[in-house]
Each structure stands twice: as structure tokens, then as C-alpha cells.
Amino acid sequence: MALTSQKYGVVVIRKTKLDDATHISLARKFGELNDVKPYNKAGRIHRLAYDELFDVGNMEHNGSIVDPISPRAQANRGNSLFHVDYSFNPRRAGYSLLLSHELPPRGTGGGTEFCDTRAAWDDLDEATKQDLLSKDYIACHSILHSKKIAAPEHFSDIDPADYPMGRHRLAQKHERSGRMNLYLAKHIHHIEGLSAEESQDLFDKLFDHATRDKYRLEVEWHNVGDLVVWDNNCTMHRAVGGPFAYKHRRDMRRATVHDDSTQAWELNKHSDVRQGLS
């Protein structure tokens, strides 16, 4: 499966018989797993039995649907923006394995959309490629930046610049495939060495290019047990909304594998610091 996801970036397996334990066991075959222990210590109640599984559904620990005006709902709005997992932490994510446990009715939304950022690189004009390679731009990723974009009123008092950011090159070679890749996400707060205006202009140019329809794939969740595996280092993803959001339960659980490539820590100091649950 790892070899398949290296080629395609996203793999969909329907009607698996995985439970929490076998989900984790499968994920371990891809590498070392992230966990929710830092967030448990911070006071959030984890409703799942295993710390290696991230709760990315819309349910509270008591089984009720998340209140749309709650802090958790506001924070989760950032998941609707194209991003990669954990680029804002010192060590980024490699593979993510998302499994469905309970789904809303068909036609009410709740899909997961992906962008192929290797194909997006391939289609860049040569002048842009040369600019990215010669200047070796470094982007600074912040979970608070993307959350503030998605829910500006809720995060109005927070300045992302006051908090740690993950530093990664915009143009990278995807080691597993040997292809060049645009390492993009809405987490990107700024690009080093550029003015705020220049930074935003370059980000917008690349992000708008990489999210064109030709690079997109929406995965619809059909069955309990559907599993989607993706490589965060050659794809972006986002949660697709819909009328289900605060009416029907959606129980989704994700195992996240730490990146083990030479770019896993990129330009960041090795540290146990971890931000963000999603």
C-alpha cells in the first residue's frame, strides 16, 4: 500500500473490516505514529480508547454533535481549507490513514478533497520553477494562521507571529517518488525574505495554481469501514462541508504517521513541541 500511495498520493479502500486496534496496527506498518497525549494533558477529553487515533469527527465525548458556536467548532473550521497535516510542528506528518466509523446520509456532504501538488509543480512555467529553485524560498507554517483565516472573529485576539512556526521549503523533492513537489498549505503565514505583500502574492500565485480543478479529487465516503490513505508530502487535503455538519453524526478517526524522510524536521529544531489536533 505504501508503494501505491507513493505513486498516486491518495489510496481509497472500501468496506474494510478495521476496528481501532487493527487501524493502529496497519498504520504502524507505515512508521512511527503521532498521538494525542499532549492535548489530553492540556485538558481536552479524548473520547476514543487509543491515544494513537485522532478524533476528526463532529461528536463530543458524550456522543452528542458538536455545538456550531463552541470553541471546538470554531477551531475546526480551518479543516475546510486545503492543508497538510502537522507542517506547523517541528516534525511534519508523512502518511495519514482516515477511517469512517459513522457517516451522515448520502448527499449531505462530508467528503474529503485532495490536491496533487506534484502534478501542480510539473505544470508550472519554467520561469517560476527556476525562481523557486534558485531562491530556495522558506515558508513558515502556523496552525493559528489557518484557524484565524477560517474563523477570524473567534481568533481576533491572537497574533500567530507570537507562536512557534514550522519552517519548510516551498519547492521540495518528494523523496519517495523522486519527483518535485510544491509543499503548500493554508497554514503558511509568510515566506521568509519577502515583504508581507510579496509573500502573499507569491503564496496566492502558487496556491491558486495548485488548487485548480485539474489537480483536485473529492473522495466521497460511502460505507462504514472505508479507509483513505494519503501522503501529506505530495498532496493537500481539506474537509468538505455540507448540511450534515450540525444535524448528523460523522465519526472519523485518523492515525497519523510521522514523516521519516530527510525533510521530516526540515529547518526546525528537534523538539517534542506539538500544536493542533488536526
C-alpha atoms as a PDB file:
ATOM      1  CA  MET A   1       0.000   0.000   0.000  1.00  0.00           C
ATOM      2  CA  ALA A   2       2.862   2.385   0.788  1.00  0.00           C
ATOM      3  CA  LEU A   3       4.294   1.876  -2.694  1.00  0.00           C
ATOM      4  CA  THR A   4       0.867   2.566  -4.223  1.00  0.00           C
ATOM      5  CA  SER A   5       0.414   5.773  -2.232  1.00  0.00           C
ATOM      6  CA  GLN A   6       3.920   6.888  -3.255  1.00  0.00           C
ATOM      7  CA  LYS A   7       2.792   6.713  -6.866  1.00  0.00           C
ATOM      8  CA  TYR A   8      -0.711   8.121  -6.541  1.00  0.00           C
ATOM      9  CA  GLY A   9      -0.610  10.196  -3.338  1.00  0.00           C
ATOM     10  CA  VAL A  10      -4.107   9.038  -2.279  1.00  0.00           C
ATOM     11  CA  VAL A  11      -5.425   5.472  -1.935  1.00  0.00           C
ATOM     12  CA  VAL A  12      -9.080   4.591  -1.209  1.00  0.00           C
ATOM     13  CA  ILE A  13     -10.043   1.166   0.183  1.00  0.00           C
ATOM     14  CA  ARG A  14     -13.747   0.452   0.555  1.00  0.00           C
ATOM     15  CA  LYS A  15     -15.502  -1.615   3.221  1.00  0.00           C
ATOM     16  CA  THR A  16     -12.524  -2.609   5.319  1.00  0.00           C
ATOM     17  CA  LYS A  17     -13.157  -4.581   8.481  1.00  0.00           C
ATOM     18  CA  LEU A  18     -10.779  -2.451  10.511  1.00  0.00           C
ATOM     19  CA  ASP A  19     -11.512  -1.582  14.116  1.00  0.00           C
ATOM     20  CA  ASP A  20      -9.479   0.798  16.269  1.00  0.00           C
ATOM     21  CA  ALA A  21      -6.811  -1.774  17.139  1.00  0.00           C
ATOM     22  CA  THR A  22      -6.287  -3.047  13.595  1.00  0.00           C
ATOM     23  CA  HIS A  23      -6.376   0.515  12.251  1.00  0.00           C
ATOM     24  CA  ILE A  24      -3.444   1.352  14.521  1.00  0.00           C
ATOM     25  CA  SER A  25      -1.662  -1.885  13.659  1.00  0.00           C
ATOM     26  CA  LEU A  26      -1.923  -1.111   9.944  1.00  0.00           C
ATOM     27  CA  ALA A  27      -0.736   2.467  10.448  1.00  0.00           C
ATOM     28  CA  ARG A  28       2.349   1.267  12.355  1.00  0.00           C
ATOM     29  CA  LYS A  29       3.475  -0.545   9.217  1.00  0.00           C
ATOM     30  CA  PHE A  30       3.985   2.904   7.654  1.00  0.00           C
ATOM     31  CA  GLY A  31       6.168   4.176  10.501  1.00  0.00           C
ATOM     32  CA  GLU A  32       6.172   5.831  13.925  1.00  0.00           C
ATOM     33  CA  LEU A  33       2.787   7.209  14.975  1.00  0.00           C
ATOM     34  CA  ASN A  34       1.838  10.585  16.363  1.00  0.00           C
ATOM     35  CA  ASP A  35      -0.570  10.624  19.323  1.00  0.00           C
ATOM     36  CA  VAL A  36      -2.880  12.911  21.285  1.00  0.00           C
ATOM     37  CA  LYS A  37      -1.103  12.747  24.653  1.00  0.00           C
ATOM     38  CA  PRO A  38      -0.031  16.434  24.675  1.00  0.00           C
ATOM     39  CA  TYR A  39      -3.612  17.512  24.023  1.00  0.00           C
ATOM     40  CA  ASN A  40      -5.006  15.243  26.745  1.00  0.00           C
ATOM     41  CA  LYS A  41      -2.654  16.926  29.220  1.00  0.00           C
ATOM     42  CA  ALA A  42      -3.983  20.292  28.059  1.00  0.00           C
ATOM     43  CA  GLY A  43      -7.458  19.311  29.241  1.00  0.00           C
ATOM     44  CA  ARG A  44      -9.358  18.146  26.169  1.00  0.00           C
ATOM     45  CA  ILE A  45     -11.376  14.981  26.791  1.00  0.00           C
ATOM     46  CA  HIS A  46     -10.425  12.294  24.276  1.00  0.00           C
ATOM     47  CA  ARG A  47     -13.473  10.128  23.561  1.00  0.00           C
ATOM     48  CA  LEU A  48     -11.513   7.331  21.850  1.00  0.00           C
ATOM     49  CA  ALA A  49      -9.844   4.411  23.606  1.00  0.00           C
ATOM     50  CA  TYR A  50      -6.469   4.839  21.905  1.00  0.00           C
ATOM     51  CA  ASP A  51      -4.171   7.852  22.067  1.00  0.00           C
ATOM     52  CA  GLU A  52      -2.818   6.966  18.609  1.00  0.00           C
ATOM     53  CA  LEU A  53      -6.157   7.845  16.993  1.00  0.00           C
ATOM     54  CA  PHE A  54      -7.175  11.445  16.353  1.00  0.00           C
ATOM     55  CA  ASP A  55     -10.875  12.256  16.628  1.00  0.00           C
ATOM     56  CA  VAL A  56     -11.712  14.215  13.474  1.00  0.00           C
ATOM     57  CA  GLY A  57     -15.471  13.713  13.546  1.00  0.00           C
ATOM     58  CA  ASN A  58     -18.179  16.109  14.717  1.00  0.00           C
ATOM     59  CA  MET A  59     -19.014  14.406  18.007  1.00  0.00           C
ATOM     60  CA  GLU A  60     -18.348  15.283  21.629  1.00  0.00           C
ATOM     61  CA  HIS A  61     -17.093  12.713  24.131  1.00  0.00           C
ATOM     62  CA  ASN A  62     -20.702  12.007  25.212  1.00  0.00           C
ATOM     63  CA  GLY A  63     -21.819  11.230  21.638  1.00  0.00           C
ATOM     64  CA  SER A  64     -23.661  14.494  21.016  1.00  0.00           C
ATOM     65  CA  ILE A  65     -22.990  16.613  17.932  1.00  0.00           C
ATOM     66  CA  VAL A  66     -20.564  19.487  18.412  1.00  0.00           C
ATOM     67  CA  ASP A  67     -22.287  22.823  19.055  1.00  0.00           C
ATOM     68  CA  PRO A  68     -21.669  25.051  15.985  1.00  0.00           C
ATOM     69  CA  ILE A  69     -20.791  28.061  18.145  1.00  0.00           C
ATOM     70  CA  SER A  70     -18.488  26.162  20.501  1.00  0.00           C
ATOM     71  CA  PRO A  71     -14.734  26.879  20.566  1.00  0.00           C
ATOM     72  CA  ARG A  72     -14.078  23.415  19.145  1.00  0.00           C
ATOM     73  CA  ALA A  73     -16.377  24.031  16.173  1.00  0.00           C
ATOM     74  CA  GLN A  74     -14.748  27.396  15.505  1.00  0.00           C
ATOM     75  CA  ALA A  75     -11.264  25.882  15.691  1.00  0.00           C
ATOM     76  CA  ASN A  76     -12.262  23.056  13.346  1.00  0.00           C
ATOM     77  CA  ARG A  77     -13.370  25.458  10.615  1.00  0.00           C
ATOM     78  CA  GLY A  78      -9.749  25.587   9.489  1.00  0.00           C
ATOM     79  CA  ASN A  79     -10.044  21.972   8.356  1.00  0.00           C
ATOM     80  CA  SER A  80     -12.119  23.179   5.403  1.00  0.00           C
ATOM     81  CA  LEU A  81      -9.041  24.930   3.973  1.00  0.00           C
ATOM     82  CA  PHE A  82      -6.520  22.991   1.903  1.00  0.00           C
ATOM     83  CA  HIS A  83      -3.647  21.967   4.156  1.00  0.00           C
ATOM     84  CA  VAL A  84      -1.178  19.253   5.049  1.00  0.00           C
ATOM     85  CA  ASP A  85      -1.034  17.614   8.462  1.00  0.00           C
ATOM     86  CA  TYR A  86       1.393  18.996  11.045  1.00  0.00           C
ATOM     87  CA  SER A  87       3.536  21.200   8.826  1.00  0.00           C
ATOM     88  CA  PHE A  88       3.342  23.709  11.705  1.00  0.00           C
ATOM     89  CA  ASN A  89       5.120  21.338  14.117  1.00  0.00           C
ATOM     90  CA  PRO A  90       8.880  20.707  14.266  1.00  0.00           C
ATOM     91  CA  ARG A  91       8.362  17.247  12.734  1.00  0.00           C
ATOM     92  CA  ARG A  92       5.782  17.074   9.992  1.00  0.00           C
ATOM     93  CA  ALA A  93       3.415  14.237   9.123  1.00  0.00           C
ATOM     94  CA  GLY A  94       4.133  11.625   6.491  1.00  0.00           C
ATOM     95  CA  TYR A  95       1.129   9.388   5.882  1.00  0.00           C
ATOM     96  CA  SER A  96      -2.387   9.845   7.264  1.00  0.00           C
ATOM     97  CA  LEU A  97      -4.900   6.979   7.454  1.00  0.00           C
ATOM     98  CA  LEU A  98      -8.524   8.105   7.898  1.00  0.00           C
ATOM     99  CA  LEU A  99     -11.233   5.534   8.697  1.00  0.00           C
ATOM    100  CA  SER A 100     -15.014   6.018   8.753  1.00  0.00           C
ATOM    101  CA  HIS A 101     -16.985   4.675  11.741  1.00  0.00           C
ATOM    102  CA  GLU A 102     -20.304   6.502  11.288  1.00  0.00           C
ATOM    103  CA  LEU A 103     -21.432   8.523   8.283  1.00  0.00           C
ATOM    104  CA  PRO A 104     -24.148  11.113   7.589  1.00  0.00           C
ATOM    105  CA  PRO A 105     -26.801  10.369   4.948  1.00  0.00           C
ATOM    106  CA  ARG A 106     -25.657  10.357   1.333  1.00  0.00           C
ATOM    107  CA  GLY A 107     -25.907  13.715  -0.368  1.00  0.00           C
ATOM    108  CA  THR A 108     -25.418  15.786   2.790  1.00  0.00           C
ATOM    109  CA  GLY A 109     -21.690  16.426   2.327  1.00  0.00           C
ATOM    110  CA  GLY A 110     -18.772  15.297   4.417  1.00  0.00           C
ATOM    111  CA  GLY A 111     -16.336  14.259   1.689  1.00  0.00           C
ATOM    112  CA  THR A 112     -12.588  14.784   1.729  1.00  0.00           C
ATOM    113  CA  GLU A 113     -10.944  16.669  -1.126  1.00  0.00           C
ATOM    114  CA  PHE A 114      -7.321  16.371  -2.236  1.00  0.00           C
ATOM    115  CA  CYS A 115      -4.908  18.273  -4.477  1.00  0.00           C
ATOM    116  CA  ASP A 116      -1.955  16.714  -6.307  1.00  0.00           C
ATOM    117  CA  THR A 117       0.928  19.084  -5.605  1.00  0.00           C
ATOM    118  CA  ARG A 118       3.458  17.093  -7.655  1.00  0.00           C
ATOM    119  CA  ALA A 119       1.342  17.488 -10.778  1.00  0.00           C
ATOM    120  CA  ALA A 120       0.933  21.163  -9.893  1.00  0.00           C
ATOM    121  CA  TRP A 121       4.717  21.538  -9.852  1.00  0.00           C
ATOM    122  CA  ASP A 122       5.054  19.744 -13.189  1.00  0.00           C
ATOM    123  CA  ASP A 123       2.737  22.252 -14.859  1.00  0.00           C
ATOM    124  CA  LEU A 124       4.439  25.402 -13.574  1.00  0.00           C
ATOM    125  CA  ASP A 125       6.103  27.531 -16.228  1.00  0.00           C
ATOM    126  CA  GLU A 126       9.886  27.220 -16.363  1.00  0.00           C
ATOM    127  CA  ALA A 127      10.496  30.769 -15.142  1.00  0.00           C
ATOM    128  CA  THR A 128       8.526  30.099 -11.948  1.00  0.00           C
ATOM    129  CA  LYS A 129      10.297  26.787 -11.380  1.00  0.00           C
ATOM    130  CA  GLN A 130      13.689  28.437 -11.753  1.00  0.00           C
ATOM    131  CA  ASP A 131      12.704  31.254  -9.402  1.00  0.00           C
ATOM    132  CA  LEU A 132      11.600  28.775  -6.727  1.00  0.00           C
ATOM    133  CA  LEU A 133      14.716  26.640  -7.086  1.00  0.00           C
ATOM    134  CA  SER A 134      17.261  29.434  -7.295  1.00  0.00           C
ATOM    135  CA  LYS A 135      15.840  31.440  -4.388  1.00  0.00           C
ATOM    136  CA  ASP A 136      15.036  28.367  -2.268  1.00  0.00           C
ATOM    137  CA  TYR A 137      12.105  30.080  -0.542  1.00  0.00           C
ATOM    138  CA  ILE A 138      11.310  29.046   3.020  1.00  0.00           C
ATOM    139  CA  ALA A 139       7.693  29.191   4.186  1.00  0.00           C
ATOM    140  CA  CYS A 140       6.627  29.480   7.825  1.00  0.00           C
ATOM    141  CA  HIS A 141       3.587  27.386   8.768  1.00  0.00           C
ATOM    142  CA  SER A 142       1.226  28.243  11.645  1.00  0.00           C
ATOM    143  CA  ILE A 143      -1.875  26.355  12.783  1.00  0.00           C
ATOM    144  CA  LEU A 144      -3.174  29.585  14.314  1.00  0.00           C
ATOM    145  CA  HIS A 145      -2.844  31.388  10.990  1.00  0.00           C
ATOM    146  CA  SER A 146      -5.142  28.951   9.175  1.00  0.00           C
ATOM    147  CA  LYS A 147      -7.585  28.886  12.080  1.00  0.00           C
ATOM    148  CA  LYS A 148      -7.686  32.691  12.079  1.00  0.00           C
ATOM    149  CA  ILE A 149      -8.386  32.757   8.326  1.00  0.00           C
ATOM    150  CA  ALA A 150     -11.297  30.346   8.790  1.00  0.00           C
ATOM    151  CA  ALA A 151     -12.734  31.909  11.967  1.00  0.00           C
ATOM    152  CA  PRO A 152     -11.409  35.483  12.171  1.00  0.00           C
ATOM    153  CA  GLU A 153     -13.772  36.717  14.874  1.00  0.00           C
ATOM    154  CA  HIS A 154     -13.049  33.812  17.206  1.00  0.00           C
ATOM    155  CA  PHE A 155      -9.271  34.224  16.854  1.00  0.00           C
ATOM    156  CA  SER A 156      -9.211  38.031  16.564  1.00  0.00           C
ATOM    157  CA  ASP A 157      -7.059  38.487  19.679  1.00  0.00           C
ATOM    158  CA  ILE A 158      -4.383  36.008  18.582  1.00  0.00           C
ATOM    159  CA  ASP A 159      -1.301  37.002  16.600  1.00  0.00           C
ATOM    160  CA  PRO A 160       0.213  33.870  15.013  1.00  0.00           C
ATOM    161  CA  ALA A 161       3.599  35.611  14.937  1.00  0.00           C
ATOM    162  CA  ASP A 162       3.743  35.265  18.731  1.00  0.00           C
ATOM    163  CA  TYR A 163       3.839  31.460  18.488  1.00  0.00           C
ATOM    164  CA  PRO A 164       6.235  28.844  17.054  1.00  0.00           C
ATOM    165  CA  MET A 165       6.000  28.013  13.353  1.00  0.00           C
ATOM    166  CA  GLY A 166       7.275  25.171  11.202  1.00  0.00           C
ATOM    167  CA  ARG A 167       9.794  26.155   8.513  1.00  0.00           C
ATOM    168  CA  HIS A 168       9.790  24.277   5.211  1.00  0.00           C
ATOM    169  CA  ARG A 169      10.997  24.880   1.674  1.00  0.00           C
ATOM    170  CA  LEU A 170       8.272  25.726  -0.825  1.00  0.00           C
ATOM    171  CA  ALA A 171       9.895  23.655  -3.567  1.00  0.00           C
ATOM    172  CA  GLN A 172      10.999  20.187  -2.479  1.00  0.00           C
ATOM    173  CA  LYS A 173      11.888  16.862  -3.988  1.00  0.00           C
ATOM    174  CA  HIS A 174       9.394  14.245  -2.849  1.00  0.00           C
ATOM    175  CA  GLU A 175      11.847  11.592  -1.730  1.00  0.00           C
ATOM    176  CA  ARG A 176       9.591   8.561  -2.050  1.00  0.00           C
ATOM    177  CA  SER A 177       8.918   9.193  -5.746  1.00  0.00           C
ATOM    178  CA  GLY A 178      11.881  11.360  -6.748  1.00  0.00           C
ATOM    179  CA  ARG A 179       9.518  13.974  -8.202  1.00  0.00           C
ATOM    180  CA  MET A 180       9.479  17.689  -7.414  1.00  0.00           C
ATOM    181  CA  ASN A 181       6.634  18.981  -5.269  1.00  0.00           C
ATOM    182  CA  LEU A 182       5.075  22.233  -4.064  1.00  0.00           C
ATOM    183  CA  TYR A 183       4.867  21.963  -0.280  1.00  0.00           C
ATOM    184  CA  LEU A 184       1.886  24.241   0.265  1.00  0.00           C
ATOM    185  CA  ALA A 185      -0.846  24.670   2.869  1.00  0.00           C
ATOM    186  CA  LYS A 186      -3.141  27.374   4.160  1.00  0.00           C
ATOM    187  CA  HIS A 187      -1.016  27.133   7.296  1.00  0.00           C
ATOM    188  CA  ILE A 188       1.618  29.270   5.537  1.00  0.00           C
ATOM    189  CA  HIS A 189       1.809  32.566   7.416  1.00  0.00           C
ATOM    190  CA  HIS A 190       4.646  34.137   5.441  1.00  0.00           C
ATOM    191  CA  ILE A 191       7.612  33.410   3.200  1.00  0.00           C
ATOM    192  CA  GLU A 192      10.968  34.414   4.620  1.00  0.00           C
ATOM    193  CA  GLY A 193      12.952  37.174   2.937  1.00  0.00           C
ATOM    194  CA  LEU A 194       9.937  38.794   1.276  1.00  0.00           C
ATOM    195  CA  SER A 195       7.801  41.748   2.272  1.00  0.00           C
ATOM    196  CA  ALA A 196       4.308  40.934   3.511  1.00  0.00           C
ATOM    197  CA  GLU A 197       2.853  41.923   0.137  1.00  0.00           C
ATOM    198  CA  GLU A 198       5.434  39.972  -1.873  1.00  0.00           C
ATOM    199  CA  SER A 199       4.970  36.952   0.366  1.00  0.00           C
ATOM    200  CA  GLN A 200       1.188  36.965  -0.032  1.00  0.00           C
ATOM    201  CA  ASP A 201       1.425  37.477  -3.795  1.00  0.00           C
ATOM    202  CA  LEU A 202       3.764  34.508  -4.236  1.00  0.00           C
ATOM    203  CA  PHE A 203       1.703  32.293  -1.959  1.00  0.00           C
ATOM    204  CA  ASP A 204      -1.540  33.225  -3.730  1.00  0.00           C
ATOM    205  CA  LYS A 205       0.000  32.545  -7.133  1.00  0.00           C
ATOM    206  CA  LEU A 206       1.193  29.070  -6.159  1.00  0.00           C
ATOM    207  CA  PHE A 207      -1.843  28.139  -4.056  1.00  0.00           C
ATOM    208  CA  ASP A 208      -4.338  29.252  -6.705  1.00  0.00           C
ATOM    209  CA  HIS A 209      -2.412  27.231  -9.279  1.00  0.00           C
ATOM    210  CA  ALA A 210      -2.201  24.088  -7.113  1.00  0.00           C
ATOM    211  CA  THR A 211      -5.915  24.116  -6.240  1.00  0.00           C
ATOM    212  CA  ARG A 212      -7.192  24.287  -9.814  1.00  0.00           C
ATOM    213  CA  ASP A 213      -9.871  21.740 -10.663  1.00  0.00           C
ATOM    214  CA  LYS A 214      -7.491  19.636 -12.777  1.00  0.00           C
ATOM    215  CA  TYR A 215      -5.449  18.745  -9.669  1.00  0.00           C
ATOM    216  CA  ARG A 216      -8.422  18.003  -7.397  1.00  0.00           C
ATOM    217  CA  LEU A 217     -10.033  14.746  -6.308  1.00  0.00           C
ATOM    218  CA  GLU A 218     -13.005  14.532  -3.948  1.00  0.00           C
ATOM    219  CA  VAL A 219     -13.401  11.252  -2.093  1.00  0.00           C
ATOM    220  CA  GLU A 220     -16.965  10.506  -1.046  1.00  0.00           C
ATOM    221  CA  TRP A 221     -17.393   8.273   1.964  1.00  0.00           C
ATOM    222  CA  HIS A 222     -19.847   5.514   1.083  1.00  0.00           C
ATOM    223  CA  ASN A 223     -19.578   2.913   3.825  1.00  0.00           C
ATOM    224  CA  VAL A 224     -18.574   2.399   7.409  1.00  0.00           C
ATOM    225  CA  GLY A 225     -15.079   0.930   7.155  1.00  0.00           C
ATOM    226  CA  ASP A 226     -13.956   2.989   4.160  1.00  0.00           C
ATOM    227  CA  LEU A 227     -10.279   3.883   4.543  1.00  0.00           C
ATOM    228  CA  VAL A 228      -8.353   6.665   2.813  1.00  0.00           C
ATOM    229  CA  VAL A 229      -4.557   6.774   2.982  1.00  0.00           C
ATOM    230  CA  TRP A 230      -2.644   9.810   1.749  1.00  0.00           C
ATOM    231  CA  ASP A 231       0.884  11.159   1.665  1.00  0.00           C
ATOM    232  CA  ASN A 232       0.992  14.648   3.163  1.00  0.00           C
ATOM    233  CA  ASN A 233       4.245  15.380   1.374  1.00  0.00           C
ATOM    234  CA  CYS A 234       2.767  15.337  -2.124  1.00  0.00           C
ATOM    235  CA  THR A 235      -0.904  16.208  -1.539  1.00  0.00           C
ATOM    236  CA  MET A 236      -3.037  18.782   0.234  1.00  0.00           C
ATOM    237  CA  HIS A 237      -6.450  17.910   1.640  1.00  0.00           C
ATOM    238  CA  ARG A 238      -9.496  19.548   3.177  1.00  0.00           C
ATOM    239  CA  ALA A 239     -12.805  18.611   4.765  1.00  0.00           C
ATOM    240  CA  VAL A 240     -15.835  19.229   2.543  1.00  0.00           C
ATOM    241  CA  GLY A 241     -18.754  20.733   4.422  1.00  0.00           C
ATOM    242  CA  GLY A 242     -22.467  20.334   3.871  1.00  0.00           C
ATOM    243  CA  PRO A 243     -25.841  20.349   5.626  1.00  0.00           C
ATOM    244  CA  PHE A 244     -24.887  17.256   7.657  1.00  0.00           C
ATOM    245  CA  ALA A 245     -22.449  19.203   9.823  1.00  0.00           C
ATOM    246  CA  TYR A 246     -24.600  20.025  12.849  1.00  0.00           C
ATOM    247  CA  LYS A 247     -27.503  17.654  12.135  1.00  0.00           C
ATOM    248  CA  HIS A 248     -25.970  14.213  11.613  1.00  0.00           C
ATOM    249  CA  ARG A 249     -23.145  12.447  13.361  1.00  0.00           C
ATOM    250  CA  ARG A 250     -19.917  11.818  11.457  1.00  0.00           C
ATOM    251  CA  ASP A 251     -17.418   9.644  13.304  1.00  0.00           C
ATOM    252  CA  MET A 252     -13.999   9.721  11.609  1.00  0.00           C
ATOM    253  CA  ARG A 253     -10.732   8.553  13.155  1.00  0.00           C
ATOM    254  CA  ARG A 254      -7.252   9.225  11.833  1.00  0.00           C
ATOM    255  CA  ALA A 255      -3.903   7.613  12.505  1.00  0.00           C
ATOM    256  CA  THR A 256      -1.040   9.932  11.595  1.00  0.00           C
ATOM    257  CA  VAL A 257       2.456   8.698  10.783  1.00  0.00           C
ATOM    258  CA  HIS A 258       5.479  10.881  11.471  1.00  0.00           C
ATOM    259  CA  ASP A 259       7.469  11.672   8.340  1.00  0.00           C
ATOM    260  CA  ASP A 260      10.687   9.642   8.213  1.00  0.00           C
ATOM    261  CA  SER A 261      12.280  11.338   5.200  1.00  0.00           C
ATOM    262  CA  THR A 262      15.382  13.524   5.465  1.00  0.00           C
ATOM    263  CA  GLN A 263      12.988  16.502   5.255  1.00  0.00           C
ATOM    264  CA  ALA A 264      10.872  15.400   8.221  1.00  0.00           C
ATOM    265  CA  TRP A 265      12.237  18.124  10.507  1.00  0.00           C
ATOM    266  CA  GLU A 266      13.378  20.299   7.600  1.00  0.00           C
ATOM    267  CA  LEU A 267      14.713  23.575   9.077  1.00  0.00           C
ATOM    268  CA  ASN A 268      13.259  23.066  12.556  1.00  0.00           C
ATOM    269  CA  LYS A 269      14.985  22.175  15.803  1.00  0.00           C
ATOM    270  CA  HIS A 270      14.276  18.664  17.032  1.00  0.00           C
ATOM    271  CA  SER A 271      11.686  19.153  19.750  1.00  0.00           C
ATOM    272  CA  ASP A 272       8.740  17.450  21.437  1.00  0.00           C
ATOM    273  CA  VAL A 273       6.600  20.569  20.951  1.00  0.00           C
ATOM    274  CA  ARG A 274       3.331  19.725  19.203  1.00  0.00           C
ATOM    275  CA  GLN A 275       0.441  22.025  18.336  1.00  0.00           C
ATOM    276  CA  GLY A 276      -3.005  21.309  16.933  1.00  0.00           C
ATOM    277  CA  LEU A 277      -5.292  18.304  16.921  1.00  0.00           C
ATOM    278  CA  SER A 278      -5.961  18.295  13.185  1.00  0.00           C
END
